[in-house]
């Protein structure tokens, strides 16, 4: 770190210390970039897995794959890890790689503005200003809760909270609870709270496709094997990776999705005997159009006597009830929102100002675009981890983040080799890449599967998911293509002024 006019300066500043921030920090240090600082607005590392603490939180990607390639964990307790264990894993990785010492905790980024004259980023934070040659945004897409704008919600006299901000001080025992939303979070916490509440009303807009969850404890001998023979765990990771890669085929070619839908329908039929309830829970769109969920206890929980699934739209909220479009009043004293996050309208975009004073959110205009999902024209030396078109519906996004971290390293090495101060994608390269994403998304289940999902932005584009195999994405980012980049030279030093005595 250096200082200029009393303002701390770093070569690279990473915003966020979850999976992406940790991956980028470790890869940069391994590549010899020592002056790296991390800004974390919370008091610990962990990102999504620090923030989300709702009952039953777990990952729907197998543990061996949902981890960093350079930090295998032979001690996973289950084939699918629970949230607390993933958070402990991230804290351990950060500690072993010395990232706690490089992280400013309680430091929230308020604005990052590109200084064209100085060729650097000027950052305003809750702990004061600093500057950086490059900024890596690792804030993650599943970060800012999205709460629907329900008429009358402000009049509700009970307790209301989002699953990502779980109120552990509010005892649900004996309560009449409403759950709004039936996505990935709800199918995990509903089975946990159902036995405790007096009555549970689940408000479902669109039923999800649900497949069995093949979860089990990892046996002690397996853990011993992975400790003694790390290659065995790497082999298991590879096997899981390629098995998951096959799942992208029916997403890209929906006509081949019949066998997956049959498996999901059979799972529903086995667990829900009531034909009326089963009809409510049967999706009317192609599998994969929305996120596929994994659960063995979601359907059984909905069949219990104290649970009702309501499919009518919510018309308004009253002090002690929710009223649906059919005029029916549902008495509740607690509302839990399982309504997801701001994904296509990333809050970080409001805080980044690029060349010419243009805000990233304004440039995107509700439809995020980036070259290689990572760099954006007009925003030099800004790198977005899990940026546009880098999400997955079939594999581990940690794999994608590591590929992007490799691109960050390659870009900074290119700057070092050329002597340039900054880089950004050429406008024609970015336009061609975005056009390719749109073309490859056409005909996929995400755009033609008959649903409206959070994968699609306000304009109807798929700006969230990578329309292909994750291996193809990593291969695409493995080699930096200088012809796709515009280099920005260092600032021109002002000519030295002559001493006062020598001036005419």
Protein backbone atom coordinates (compact mmCIF):
# COMPACT_ATOMS: atom_id res chain seq x y z
CA UNK A 1 0.00 0.00 0.00
CA UNK A 2 1.10 3.55 -0.73
CA UNK A 3 -0.46 6.92 -0.07
CA UNK A 4 -1.09 9.94 -2.23
CA UNK A 5 -2.10 13.17 -0.55
CA UNK A 6 -2.89 11.13 2.54
CA UNK A 7 -5.28 8.78 0.69
CA UNK A 8 -4.38 5.06 0.88
CA UNK A 9 -3.71 3.48 -2.50
CA UNK A 10 -3.71 -0.22 -3.48
CA UNK A 11 -2.90 -1.92 -6.73
CA UNK A 12 -6.07 -4.04 -6.51
CA UNK A 13 -9.14 -3.60 -4.31
CA UNK A 14 -11.59 -6.49 -4.06
CA UNK A 15 -15.13 -5.67 -2.92
CA UNK A 16 -16.65 -8.58 -1.01
CA UNK A 17 -15.10 -11.60 0.68
CA UNK A 18 -17.25 -14.59 -0.19
CA UNK A 19 -16.25 -17.39 -2.55
CA UNK A 20 -15.40 -14.97 -5.38
CA UNK A 21 -13.43 -12.49 -3.30
CA UNK A 22 -11.42 -15.26 -1.66
CA UNK A 23 -10.70 -16.93 -5.01
CA UNK A 24 -9.53 -13.65 -6.58
CA UNK A 25 -7.38 -12.67 -3.59
CA UNK A 26 -5.61 -16.02 -3.42
CA UNK A 27 -5.02 -16.23 -7.18
CA UNK A 28 -3.65 -12.68 -7.30
CA UNK A 29 -1.26 -13.32 -4.44
CA UNK A 30 -0.09 -16.57 -6.02
CA UNK A 31 0.60 -14.64 -9.24
CA UNK A 32 2.80 -12.15 -7.40
CA UNK A 33 0.37 -9.26 -6.98
CA UNK A 34 1.05 -8.47 -3.35
CA UNK A 35 -0.74 -5.15 -2.92
CA UNK A 36 -4.29 -6.48 -2.69
CA UNK A 37 -6.89 -5.18 -0.25
CA UNK A 38 -10.39 -6.53 0.42
CA UNK A 39 -13.36 -4.42 1.48
CA UNK A 40 -16.02 -6.31 3.43
CA UNK A 41 -19.02 -4.46 4.82
CA UNK A 42 -19.76 -7.19 7.39
CA UNK A 43 -17.66 -8.24 10.35
CA UNK A 44 -16.49 -11.55 8.87
CA UNK A 45 -15.87 -13.31 5.57
CA UNK A 46 -18.38 -15.66 3.97
CA UNK A 47 -20.73 -13.70 1.74
CA UNK A 48 -23.99 -15.54 1.05
CA UNK A 49 -23.12 -18.22 3.59
CA UNK A 50 -22.54 -15.66 6.31
CA UNK A 51 -25.69 -13.70 5.55
CA UNK A 52 -28.15 -16.58 5.19
CA UNK A 53 -28.83 -18.42 8.43
CA UNK A 54 -32.42 -19.60 7.98
CA UNK A 55 -33.38 -23.05 9.32
CA UNK A 56 -32.33 -25.84 6.98
CA UNK A 57 -30.01 -23.77 4.80
CA UNK A 58 -27.82 -26.00 2.64
CA UNK A 59 -26.22 -26.12 -0.79
CA UNK A 60 -27.77 -27.89 -3.77
CA UNK A 61 -24.37 -28.59 -5.36
CA UNK A 62 -22.35 -31.52 -3.94
CA UNK A 63 -19.75 -30.54 -1.35
CA UNK A 64 -16.69 -31.80 -3.26
CA UNK A 65 -17.62 -29.54 -6.19
CA UNK A 66 -18.95 -26.57 -4.26
CA UNK A 67 -15.51 -25.67 -2.95
CA UNK A 68 -12.37 -23.97 -4.21
CA UNK A 69 -10.12 -26.14 -6.36
CA UNK A 70 -7.00 -25.01 -4.48
CA UNK A 71 -8.58 -25.70 -1.08
CA UNK A 72 -10.15 -29.18 -0.98
CA UNK A 73 -11.88 -30.14 2.25
CA UNK A 74 -11.57 -33.84 3.12
CA UNK A 75 -13.66 -33.29 6.26
CA UNK A 76 -17.03 -32.48 4.67
CA UNK A 77 -19.65 -34.12 6.86
CA UNK A 78 -22.24 -34.70 4.12
CA UNK A 79 -22.42 -35.09 0.37
CA UNK A 80 -24.40 -31.81 0.32
CA UNK A 81 -23.07 -29.33 2.88
CA UNK A 82 -25.21 -27.29 5.22
CA UNK A 83 -24.78 -23.53 5.35
CA UNK A 84 -22.91 -23.34 8.64
CA UNK A 85 -20.33 -25.84 7.46
CA UNK A 86 -19.73 -23.92 4.23
CA UNK A 87 -19.27 -20.71 6.19
CA UNK A 88 -16.76 -22.44 8.50
CA UNK A 89 -14.92 -23.71 5.40
CA UNK A 90 -14.63 -20.20 3.94
CA UNK A 91 -13.36 -18.79 7.23
CA UNK A 92 -10.75 -21.53 7.38
CA UNK A 93 -9.57 -20.89 3.81
CA UNK A 94 -9.36 -17.14 4.44
CA UNK A 95 -7.40 -17.73 7.63
CA UNK A 96 -4.93 -20.17 6.05
CA UNK A 97 -4.23 -17.77 3.18
CA UNK A 98 -3.78 -14.70 5.37
CA UNK A 99 -6.82 -12.85 4.03
CA UNK A 100 -8.09 -11.64 7.38
CA UNK A 101 -5.05 -9.38 7.62
CA UNK A 102 -5.79 -7.94 4.15
CA UNK A 103 -9.50 -7.30 4.75
CA UNK A 104 -11.08 -4.10 6.02
CA UNK A 105 -14.14 -5.33 7.90
CA UNK A 106 -17.10 -3.04 8.45
CA UNK A 107 -16.03 -1.17 5.31
CA UNK A 108 -18.83 -0.70 2.81
CA UNK A 109 -18.21 0.66 -0.68
CA UNK A 110 -20.36 3.73 -1.24
CA UNK A 111 -19.05 4.67 -4.68
CA UNK A 112 -16.24 3.78 -7.06
CA UNK A 113 -15.51 6.45 -9.69
CA UNK A 114 -12.94 6.22 -12.48
CA UNK A 115 -10.46 9.12 -12.55
CA UNK A 116 -9.50 9.50 -16.19
CA UNK A 117 -6.65 11.91 -15.51
CA UNK A 118 -5.00 9.77 -12.83
CA UNK A 119 -5.93 6.45 -14.50
CA UNK A 120 -7.19 4.98 -11.27
CA UNK A 121 -10.36 4.33 -9.29
CA UNK A 122 -11.39 6.66 -6.47
CA UNK A 123 -13.39 4.83 -3.85
CA UNK A 124 -15.63 6.28 -1.16
CA UNK A 125 -16.22 3.92 1.73
CA UNK A 126 -17.73 4.04 5.19
CA UNK A 127 -14.14 4.11 6.50
CA UNK A 128 -12.95 6.95 4.31
CA UNK A 129 -11.50 7.35 0.80
CA UNK A 130 -8.91 5.22 -0.98
CA UNK A 131 -7.73 4.69 -4.54
CA UNK A 132 -6.91 1.62 -6.62
CA UNK A 133 -5.47 0.78 -10.01
CA UNK A 134 -8.05 -2.02 -10.43
CA UNK A 135 -11.30 -2.97 -8.74
CA UNK A 136 -12.71 -6.49 -8.54
CA UNK A 137 -16.39 -6.62 -7.65
CA UNK A 138 -17.14 -9.85 -5.80
CA UNK A 139 -20.39 -8.78 -4.18
CA UNK A 140 -22.34 -11.74 -5.57
CA UNK A 141 -25.82 -11.85 -7.13
CA UNK A 142 -27.61 -13.55 -4.20
CA UNK A 143 -27.01 -10.72 -1.81
CA UNK A 144 -29.70 -8.04 -1.68
CA UNK A 145 -33.13 -9.49 -0.73
CA UNK A 146 -36.05 -8.74 -3.03
CA UNK A 147 -39.31 -8.09 -1.17
CA UNK A 148 -42.46 -7.69 -3.25
CA UNK A 149 -44.32 -4.40 -3.08
CA UNK A 150 -47.55 -5.71 -1.55
CA UNK A 151 -50.33 -3.19 -0.92
CA UNK A 152 -50.79 -2.62 2.80
CA UNK A 153 -47.59 -4.36 3.88
CA UNK A 154 -46.63 -1.33 5.96
CA UNK A 155 -49.83 -1.78 8.00
CA UNK A 156 -49.01 -5.36 9.05
CA UNK A 157 -49.08 -5.54 12.85
CA UNK A 158 -47.13 -8.79 13.13
CA UNK A 159 -43.51 -9.70 12.35
CA UNK A 160 -42.28 -9.82 8.75
CA UNK A 161 -38.81 -10.66 7.46
CA UNK A 162 -36.96 -12.08 4.46
CA UNK A 163 -35.38 -15.53 4.68
CA UNK A 164 -31.95 -13.93 4.09
CA UNK A 165 -32.49 -11.76 7.18
CA UNK A 166 -33.96 -14.45 9.40
CA UNK A 167 -35.27 -13.15 12.73
CA UNK A 168 -33.95 -15.77 15.15
CA UNK A 169 -35.34 -13.81 18.07
CA UNK A 170 -38.90 -14.35 16.86
CA UNK A 171 -40.23 -17.67 18.17
CA UNK A 172 -42.44 -19.34 15.56
CA UNK A 173 -43.89 -21.89 17.98
CA UNK A 174 -47.69 -21.70 17.95
CA UNK A 175 -47.74 -18.92 15.32
CA UNK A 176 -49.88 -18.56 12.23
CA UNK A 177 -47.18 -18.11 9.62
CA UNK A 178 -47.40 -17.05 5.98
CA UNK A 179 -44.60 -17.99 3.60
CA UNK A 180 -44.55 -15.92 0.43
CA UNK A 181 -42.63 -17.67 -2.35
CA UNK A 182 -41.73 -21.28 -3.10
CA UNK A 183 -38.17 -21.02 -4.34
CA UNK A 184 -34.86 -22.50 -3.26
CA UNK A 185 -34.92 -21.00 0.24
CA UNK A 186 -38.56 -21.82 1.02
CA UNK A 187 -38.23 -25.49 0.18
CA UNK A 188 -35.45 -25.71 2.77
CA UNK A 189 -36.92 -23.74 5.68
CA UNK A 190 -40.61 -24.74 5.33
CA UNK A 191 -40.02 -28.39 6.36
CA UNK A 192 -38.03 -27.14 9.37
CA UNK A 193 -40.62 -24.70 10.71
CA UNK A 194 -43.76 -26.68 9.77
CA UNK A 195 -43.74 -28.92 12.88
CA UNK A 196 -43.44 -25.90 15.20
CA UNK A 197 -46.08 -23.53 13.91
CA UNK A 198 -49.80 -23.64 14.60
CA UNK A 199 -50.69 -23.06 10.96
CA UNK A 200 -48.61 -22.49 7.84
CA UNK A 201 -50.01 -20.82 4.73
CA UNK A 202 -47.73 -21.13 1.72
CA UNK A 203 -48.47 -18.59 -1.02
CA UNK A 204 -47.29 -20.06 -4.29
CA UNK A 205 -47.16 -18.08 -7.51
CA UNK A 206 -45.56 -20.77 -9.66
CA UNK A 207 -44.76 -24.33 -8.53
CA UNK A 208 -41.11 -25.38 -8.84
CA UNK A 209 -39.83 -28.56 -10.41
CA UNK A 210 -38.39 -30.68 -7.59
CA UNK A 211 -36.07 -33.69 -7.82
CA UNK A 212 -34.90 -36.03 -5.03
CA UNK A 213 -31.93 -34.88 -3.00
CA UNK A 214 -29.31 -37.64 -2.87
CA UNK A 215 -27.80 -36.47 0.40
CA UNK A 216 -26.10 -38.67 2.98
CA UNK A 217 -23.43 -38.40 5.68
CA UNK A 218 -19.88 -38.96 4.48
CA UNK A 219 -18.47 -42.02 6.21
CA UNK A 220 -15.35 -41.78 8.40
CA UNK A 221 -13.42 -44.08 6.06
CA UNK A 222 -14.18 -41.74 3.15
CA UNK A 223 -12.84 -38.77 5.07
CA UNK A 224 -9.72 -40.72 6.02
CA UNK A 225 -9.21 -41.69 2.39
CA UNK A 226 -9.48 -38.10 1.18
CA UNK A 227 -7.00 -36.95 3.81
CA UNK A 228 -4.49 -39.68 2.98
CA UNK A 229 -4.97 -39.65 -0.80
CA UNK A 230 -5.93 -36.15 -2.03
CA UNK A 231 -6.02 -37.49 -5.59
CA UNK A 232 -9.04 -39.58 -4.61
CA UNK A 233 -11.01 -36.47 -3.70
CA UNK A 234 -9.89 -34.74 -6.88
CA UNK A 235 -11.14 -37.73 -8.86
CA UNK A 236 -14.49 -37.59 -7.07
CA UNK A 237 -14.74 -33.88 -7.79
CA UNK A 238 -14.03 -34.50 -11.48
CA UNK A 239 -16.65 -37.25 -11.65
CA UNK A 240 -19.29 -35.03 -10.05
CA UNK A 241 -18.33 -32.13 -12.31
CA UNK A 242 -18.78 -34.07 -15.55
CA UNK A 243 -21.99 -35.70 -14.35
CA UNK A 244 -23.40 -32.25 -13.64
CA UNK A 245 -22.20 -30.98 -17.02
CA UNK A 246 -24.51 -33.46 -18.75
CA UNK A 247 -27.50 -31.72 -17.17
CA UNK A 248 -26.99 -28.69 -19.41
CA UNK A 249 -28.06 -30.69 -22.49
CA UNK A 250 -31.84 -30.64 -21.81
CA UNK A 251 -31.57 -26.94 -20.92
CA UNK A 252 -30.04 -26.11 -24.29
CA UNK A 253 -32.34 -28.53 -26.13
CA UNK A 254 -35.69 -28.62 -24.27
CA UNK A 255 -37.05 -31.42 -26.45
CA UNK A 256 -34.58 -33.71 -24.69
CA UNK A 257 -35.87 -32.85 -21.21
CA UNK A 258 -38.60 -35.47 -21.09
CA UNK A 259 -36.68 -37.94 -18.95
CA UNK A 260 -35.89 -35.29 -16.33
CA UNK A 261 -39.54 -34.20 -16.18
CA UNK A 262 -40.67 -37.80 -15.79
CA UNK A 263 -38.31 -38.24 -12.83
CA UNK A 264 -39.69 -35.07 -11.20
CA UNK A 265 -43.31 -36.09 -11.80
CA UNK A 266 -42.64 -39.52 -10.29
CA UNK A 267 -41.08 -37.86 -7.24
CA UNK A 268 -44.18 -35.69 -6.81
CA UNK A 269 -46.56 -38.63 -7.29
CA UNK A 270 -44.76 -40.72 -4.69
CA UNK A 271 -44.84 -38.00 -2.05
CA UNK A 272 -48.22 -36.31 -2.64
CA UNK A 273 -51.23 -38.65 -2.82
CA UNK A 274 -53.95 -35.99 -2.79
CA UNK A 275 -54.78 -35.30 -6.47
CA UNK A 276 -55.94 -31.74 -5.80
CA UNK A 277 -52.77 -30.78 -3.97
CA UNK A 278 -50.68 -32.59 -6.56
CA UNK A 279 -52.35 -30.55 -9.29
CA UNK A 280 -51.41 -27.34 -7.45
CA UNK A 281 -47.81 -28.48 -7.20
CA UNK A 282 -47.44 -29.60 -10.83
CA UNK A 283 -45.53 -27.04 -12.95
CA UNK A 284 -47.00 -25.92 -16.23
CA UNK A 285 -43.68 -25.10 -17.89
CA UNK A 286 -40.65 -27.04 -19.09
CA UNK A 287 -38.22 -28.22 -16.46
CA UNK A 288 -35.18 -25.95 -16.15
CA UNK A 289 -37.06 -22.80 -17.19
CA UNK A 290 -36.90 -21.89 -13.51
CA UNK A 291 -34.29 -23.19 -11.13
CA UNK A 292 -34.65 -26.93 -10.46
CA UNK A 293 -34.84 -27.63 -6.73
CA UNK A 294 -33.69 -30.65 -4.73
CA UNK A 295 -35.64 -31.85 -1.70
CA UNK A 296 -36.93 -34.99 -0.01
CA UNK A 297 -39.05 -33.23 2.61
CA UNK A 298 -40.68 -30.28 0.79
CA UNK A 299 -43.65 -32.21 -0.59
CA UNK A 300 -44.27 -34.20 2.64
CA UNK A 301 -44.32 -30.93 4.63
CA UNK A 302 -47.04 -29.53 2.37
CA UNK A 303 -49.27 -32.54 3.01
CA UNK A 304 -49.45 -31.96 6.78
CA UNK A 305 -52.75 -30.99 8.42
CA UNK A 306 -51.47 -27.58 9.56
CA UNK A 307 -50.34 -26.51 6.05
CA UNK A 308 -52.32 -24.92 3.23
CA UNK A 309 -50.97 -24.13 -0.23
CA UNK A 310 -52.63 -21.04 -1.72
CA UNK A 311 -52.24 -20.32 -5.42
CA UNK A 312 -54.42 -17.21 -5.67
CA UNK A 313 -52.49 -13.97 -6.03
CA UNK A 314 -52.02 -11.75 -2.98
CA UNK A 315 -54.27 -8.68 -3.26
CA UNK A 316 -53.32 -6.87 -0.06
CA UNK A 317 -51.91 -7.18 3.43
CA UNK A 318 -53.96 -6.16 6.44
CA UNK A 319 -52.81 -5.73 10.07
CA UNK A 320 -53.56 -9.35 10.93
CA UNK A 321 -54.15 -11.09 7.62
CA UNK A 322 -53.27 -11.53 3.97
CA UNK A 323 -56.11 -11.15 1.47
CA UNK A 324 -55.97 -13.01 -1.85
CA UNK A 325 -57.52 -12.05 -5.19
CA UNK A 326 -60.57 -14.24 -4.53
CA UNK A 327 -61.42 -12.03 -1.54
CA UNK A 328 -60.48 -14.62 1.05
CA UNK A 329 -58.79 -13.41 4.24
CA UNK A 330 -55.96 -15.58 5.62
CA UNK A 331 -55.23 -14.77 9.30
CA UNK A 332 -51.47 -14.58 9.98
CA UNK A 333 -49.23 -13.06 12.61
CA UNK A 334 -45.88 -13.69 10.88
CA UNK A 335 -44.81 -13.27 7.25
CA UNK A 336 -41.64 -14.86 5.91
CA UNK A 337 -40.57 -13.82 2.41
CA UNK A 338 -38.79 -16.47 0.38
CA UNK A 339 -38.82 -14.21 -2.66
CA UNK A 340 -35.20 -14.27 -3.77
CA UNK A 341 -32.75 -11.49 -4.53
CA UNK A 342 -31.96 -8.58 -6.83
CA UNK A 343 -30.05 -10.40 -9.57
CA UNK A 344 -30.51 -8.59 -12.88
CA UNK A 345 -30.62 -5.20 -11.14
CA UNK A 346 -27.43 -5.60 -9.14
CA UNK A 347 -27.18 -2.91 -6.44
CA UNK A 348 -23.41 -2.57 -7.01
CA UNK A 349 -24.17 -1.11 -10.47
CA UNK A 350 -25.63 1.99 -8.83
CA UNK A 351 -22.32 2.61 -7.06
CA UNK A 352 -19.89 2.35 -9.97
CA UNK A 353 -19.17 5.39 -12.15
CA UNK A 354 -17.04 4.89 -15.25
CA UNK A 355 -15.47 7.03 -17.93
CA UNK A 356 -17.39 10.20 -18.68
CA UNK A 357 -19.23 10.08 -15.37
CA UNK A 358 -21.60 7.35 -16.57
CA UNK A 359 -23.06 5.11 -13.89
CA UNK A 360 -22.98 1.39 -14.62
CA UNK A 361 -26.68 1.00 -13.81
CA UNK A 362 -27.50 3.70 -16.37
CA UNK A 363 -25.28 2.13 -19.02
CA UNK A 364 -26.98 -1.20 -18.52
CA UNK A 365 -30.47 0.28 -18.46
CA UNK A 366 -31.97 -2.78 -16.80
CA UNK A 367 -30.17 -5.28 -19.03
CA UNK A 368 -26.63 -6.11 -17.77
CA UNK A 369 -23.97 -6.72 -20.42
CA UNK A 370 -20.28 -7.49 -20.12
CA UNK A 371 -17.55 -8.95 -22.27
CA UNK A 372 -16.75 -12.48 -21.07
CA UNK A 373 -19.17 -11.75 -18.23
CA UNK A 374 -16.32 -9.92 -16.52
CA UNK A 375 -15.23 -6.61 -18.10
CA UNK A 376 -17.33 -3.71 -19.40
CA UNK A 377 -16.57 -1.10 -22.06
CA UNK A 378 -16.29 2.33 -20.48
CA UNK A 379 -15.20 0.96 -17.11
CA UNK A 380 -11.41 0.43 -17.28
CA UNK A 381 -9.82 -2.06 -14.90
CA UNK A 382 -13.19 -3.07 -13.44
CA UNK A 383 -13.72 -6.82 -13.12
CA UNK A 384 -17.11 -8.33 -12.23
CA UNK A 385 -17.11 -11.78 -10.69
CA UNK A 386 -20.38 -13.58 -11.46
CA UNK A 387 -21.26 -10.74 -13.78
CA UNK A 388 -23.76 -10.96 -16.66
CA UNK A 389 -24.23 -14.41 -18.23
CA UNK A 390 -22.04 -16.27 -15.75
CA UNK A 391 -24.71 -17.93 -13.60
CA UNK A 392 -25.47 -21.63 -13.94
CA UNK A 393 -28.54 -23.80 -13.66
CA UNK A 394 -26.67 -27.09 -13.69
CA UNK A 395 -23.21 -26.84 -12.13
CA UNK A 396 -21.11 -24.98 -9.54
CA UNK A 397 -20.72 -21.22 -9.87
CA UNK A 398 -17.54 -21.50 -7.79
CA UNK A 399 -15.97 -23.06 -10.89
CA UNK A 400 -17.07 -20.02 -12.91
CA UNK A 401 -15.65 -17.59 -10.35
CA UNK A 402 -12.30 -19.34 -10.41
CA UNK A 403 -12.21 -19.06 -14.20
CA UNK A 404 -12.92 -15.34 -13.88
CA UNK A 405 -10.24 -14.95 -11.22
CA UNK A 406 -7.81 -16.43 -13.72
CA UNK A 407 -8.89 -13.83 -16.28
CA UNK A 408 -8.24 -11.04 -13.77
CA UNK A 409 -4.71 -12.34 -13.24
CA UNK A 410 -4.10 -12.61 -16.97
CA UNK A 411 -5.37 -9.07 -17.57
CA UNK A 412 -3.14 -7.54 -14.90
CA UNK A 413 -0.15 -9.48 -16.21
CA UNK A 414 -0.91 -8.09 -19.67
CA UNK A 415 -0.90 -4.56 -18.26
CA UNK A 416 2.41 -5.21 -16.55
CA UNK A 417 3.94 -6.58 -19.77
CA UNK A 418 2.70 -3.74 -22.00
CA UNK A 419 3.22 -0.88 -19.56
CA UNK A 420 -0.39 0.24 -20.03
CA UNK A 421 -2.29 1.71 -17.10
CA UNK A 422 -5.66 0.11 -17.74
CA UNK A 423 -7.70 -1.98 -20.13
CA UNK A 424 -11.30 -2.46 -21.16
CA UNK A 425 -13.03 -4.43 -23.90
CA UNK A 426 -13.30 -2.88 -27.32
CA UNK A 427 -16.93 -1.89 -27.96
CA UNK A 428 -17.18 -4.14 -31.01
CA UNK A 429 -15.80 -7.11 -29.05
CA UNK A 430 -18.31 -6.63 -26.26
CA UNK A 431 -21.18 -6.15 -28.72
CA UNK A 432 -20.23 -9.33 -30.56
CA UNK A 433 -20.03 -11.29 -27.31
CA UNK A 434 -23.42 -10.04 -26.09
CA UNK A 435 -24.96 -10.86 -29.49
CA UNK A 436 -23.50 -14.33 -29.18
CA UNK A 437 -25.04 -14.77 -25.72
CA UNK A 438 -28.43 -13.69 -27.06
CA UNK A 439 -28.19 -15.99 -30.08
CA UNK A 440 -27.15 -18.97 -27.95
CA UNK A 441 -29.96 -18.28 -25.48
CA UNK A 442 -32.65 -18.40 -28.17
CA UNK A 443 -34.45 -21.73 -28.17
CA UNK A 444 -33.11 -22.74 -24.77
CA UNK A 445 -35.47 -23.66 -21.96
CA UNK A 446 -34.74 -20.33 -20.23
CA UNK A 447 -36.22 -18.25 -23.05
CA UNK A 448 -38.75 -20.68 -24.55
CA UNK A 449 -39.74 -22.89 -21.63
CA UNK A 450 -43.02 -21.15 -20.86
CA UNK A 451 -42.13 -19.37 -17.61
CA UNK A 452 -40.98 -16.00 -16.34
CA UNK A 453 -37.92 -16.44 -14.14
CA UNK A 454 -35.30 -14.30 -12.42
CA UNK A 455 -32.91 -15.46 -15.12
CA UNK A 456 -34.51 -12.91 -17.47
CA UNK A 457 -34.03 -9.17 -17.01
CA UNK A 458 -36.51 -6.32 -17.43
CA UNK A 459 -36.15 -6.46 -21.23
CA UNK A 460 -36.75 -10.20 -21.42
CA UNK A 461 -33.12 -11.07 -22.14
CA UNK A 462 -31.29 -13.89 -20.46
CA UNK A 463 -28.60 -11.76 -18.87
CA UNK A 464 -28.01 -14.13 -15.95
CA UNK A 465 -27.08 -17.61 -17.16
CA UNK A 466 -24.20 -18.81 -19.30
CA UNK A 467 -25.87 -20.57 -22.26
CA UNK A 468 -23.52 -23.52 -22.44
CA UNK A 469 -21.31 -25.88 -20.49
CA UNK A 470 -19.24 -24.46 -17.67
CA UNK A 471 -16.17 -26.17 -19.15
CA UNK A 472 -16.67 -24.16 -22.35
CA UNK A 473 -16.79 -20.95 -20.31
CA UNK A 474 -13.54 -21.77 -18.50
CA UNK A 475 -11.87 -22.64 -21.79
CA UNK A 476 -13.07 -19.34 -23.28
CA UNK A 477 -11.50 -17.37 -20.44
CA UNK A 478 -8.31 -19.41 -20.27
CA UNK A 479 -6.57 -17.33 -22.94
CA UNK A 480 -6.56 -13.55 -22.96
CA UNK A 481 -7.17 -12.17 -26.46
CA UNK A 482 -5.35 -8.80 -26.76
CA UNK A 483 -7.18 -7.99 -29.99
CA UNK A 484 -10.43 -7.77 -28.01
CA UNK A 485 -8.98 -5.21 -25.60
CA UNK A 486 -8.34 -1.48 -25.67
CA UNK A 487 -5.30 -0.39 -23.68
CA UNK A 488 -5.12 2.94 -21.87
CA UNK A 489 -1.64 4.46 -21.50
CA UNK A 490 -0.34 5.87 -18.23
CA UNK A 491 -1.19 9.50 -17.45
CA UNK A 492 1.08 12.07 -18.99
CA UNK A 493 3.25 13.56 -16.27
CA UNK A 494 2.91 17.33 -15.96
CA UNK A 495 6.14 19.12 -17.02
CA UNK A 496 8.30 20.15 -14.10
CA UNK A 497 8.09 23.83 -13.29
CA UNK A 498 11.30 25.84 -13.25
CA UNK A 499 12.54 27.11 -9.87
CA UNK A 500 11.18 30.52 -8.97
CA UNK A 501 14.58 32.20 -9.35
CA UNK A 502 14.99 30.92 -12.88
CA UNK A 503 11.57 31.97 -14.15
CA UNK A 504 11.55 34.95 -16.56
